[in-house]
Amino acid sequence: MTLDDLRDQLRALAHLPGDTVVVMSEDAEGNGYSPLSGVSTAAYLAENSFSGEHYMTDEQRQAMDDPDEYFAAPEGAVPAVFLWPTN
């Protein structure tokens, strides 16, 4: 899903009240659910068509107290929006 796809889906829900809770599935099979706790941007490197790794952007890494403690995003990582569950 792209950000444009997500925006389209969210526009279709514009009629819902603003205090409607957002819940995320724990996995694709729906084995658990968790309320959405936050949204962030970072870099994403796909390992295959259904899984990958999150990396800080260089700007995010440099803002940390010790940037060298964190892996730099490898070549091929792309900007991404991340939706974070509570659990």
Protein backbone atom coordinates (compact mmCIF):
# COMPACT_ATOMS: atom_id res chain seq x y z
CA MET A 1 0.00 0.00 0.00
CA THR A 2 1.23 3.47 -0.79
CA LEU A 3 0.52 6.72 1.04
CA ASP A 4 -1.88 7.66 -1.79
CA ASP A 5 -3.78 4.38 -1.25
CA LEU A 6 -3.98 5.04 2.50
CA ARG A 7 -5.18 8.61 1.92
CA ASP A 8 -7.90 7.33 -0.42
CA GLN A 9 -9.05 4.81 2.16
CA LEU A 10 -9.02 7.41 4.93
CA ARG A 11 -11.02 9.87 2.80
CA ALA A 12 -13.70 7.18 2.47
CA LEU A 13 -13.93 7.20 6.29
CA ALA A 14 -14.23 10.98 6.62
CA HIS A 15 -17.85 10.60 7.80
CA LEU A 16 -16.72 8.85 11.02
CA PRO A 17 -16.29 10.91 14.22
CA GLY A 18 -12.79 12.17 14.97
CA ASP A 19 -12.59 10.19 18.20
CA THR A 20 -13.02 6.83 16.41
CA VAL A 21 -10.27 4.46 17.64
CA VAL A 22 -7.80 3.07 15.08
CA VAL A 23 -6.91 -0.60 15.67
CA MET A 24 -4.17 -2.62 13.98
CA SER A 25 -4.06 -6.35 13.43
CA GLU A 26 -1.10 -8.08 15.01
CA ASP A 27 -0.58 -10.08 11.82
CA ALA A 28 -2.20 -10.74 8.44
CA GLU A 29 -4.20 -13.65 9.86
CA GLY A 30 -5.84 -11.47 12.53
CA ASN A 31 -4.39 -13.39 15.48
CA GLY A 32 -4.46 -10.30 17.68
CA TYR A 33 -5.32 -6.60 17.62
CA SER A 34 -3.87 -3.43 19.11
CA PRO A 35 -4.91 0.25 19.05
CA LEU A 36 -2.76 2.49 16.87
CA SER A 37 -0.40 4.47 19.09
CA GLY A 38 1.54 6.56 16.61
CA VAL A 39 2.67 7.34 13.09
CA SER A 40 6.21 8.08 12.00
CA THR A 41 8.39 8.34 8.93
CA ALA A 42 11.68 6.51 8.44
CA ALA A 43 13.36 4.28 5.85
CA TYR A 44 12.20 0.79 4.84
CA LEU A 45 14.15 -1.97 3.15
CA ALA A 46 12.00 -4.81 1.83
CA GLU A 47 13.49 -8.26 2.41
CA ASN A 48 10.71 -9.90 0.39
CA SER A 49 7.15 -9.08 -0.69
CA PHE A 50 5.74 -9.29 2.86
CA SER A 51 8.51 -8.34 5.26
CA GLY A 52 11.34 -5.87 5.70
CA GLU A 53 13.33 -3.70 8.10
CA HIS A 54 12.85 -0.23 9.61
CA TYR A 55 15.80 2.17 9.62
CA MET A 56 16.17 5.72 10.84
CA THR A 57 16.86 8.30 8.18
CA ASP A 58 20.32 9.89 8.35
CA GLU A 59 18.70 13.02 9.77
CA GLN A 60 16.97 11.00 12.52
CA ARG A 61 20.19 9.13 13.33
CA GLN A 62 22.25 12.33 13.55
CA ALA A 63 19.72 13.78 16.03
CA MET A 64 20.42 10.92 18.48
CA ASP A 65 22.94 11.34 21.32
CA ASP A 66 25.19 8.66 19.79
CA PRO A 67 24.31 8.25 16.09
CA ASP A 68 26.90 5.50 15.66
CA GLU A 69 24.84 3.22 17.91
CA TYR A 70 22.28 2.94 15.12
CA PHE A 71 22.63 1.29 11.72
CA ALA A 72 22.49 3.59 8.74
CA ALA A 73 19.80 2.78 6.22
CA PRO A 74 21.34 0.51 3.59
CA GLU A 75 21.32 1.27 -0.11
CA GLY A 76 17.90 0.47 -1.52
CA ALA A 77 15.96 1.59 1.58
CA VAL A 78 13.07 3.86 0.68
CA PRO A 79 11.14 6.54 2.62
CA ALA A 80 8.09 5.04 4.33
CA VAL A 81 5.28 5.84 6.75
CA PHE A 82 5.07 3.50 9.76
CA LEU A 83 1.94 2.86 11.80
CA TRP A 84 2.80 1.73 15.34
CA PRO A 85 0.56 -0.48 17.48
CA THR A 86 0.20 -0.01 21.22
CA ASN A 87 1.39 -3.59 21.85
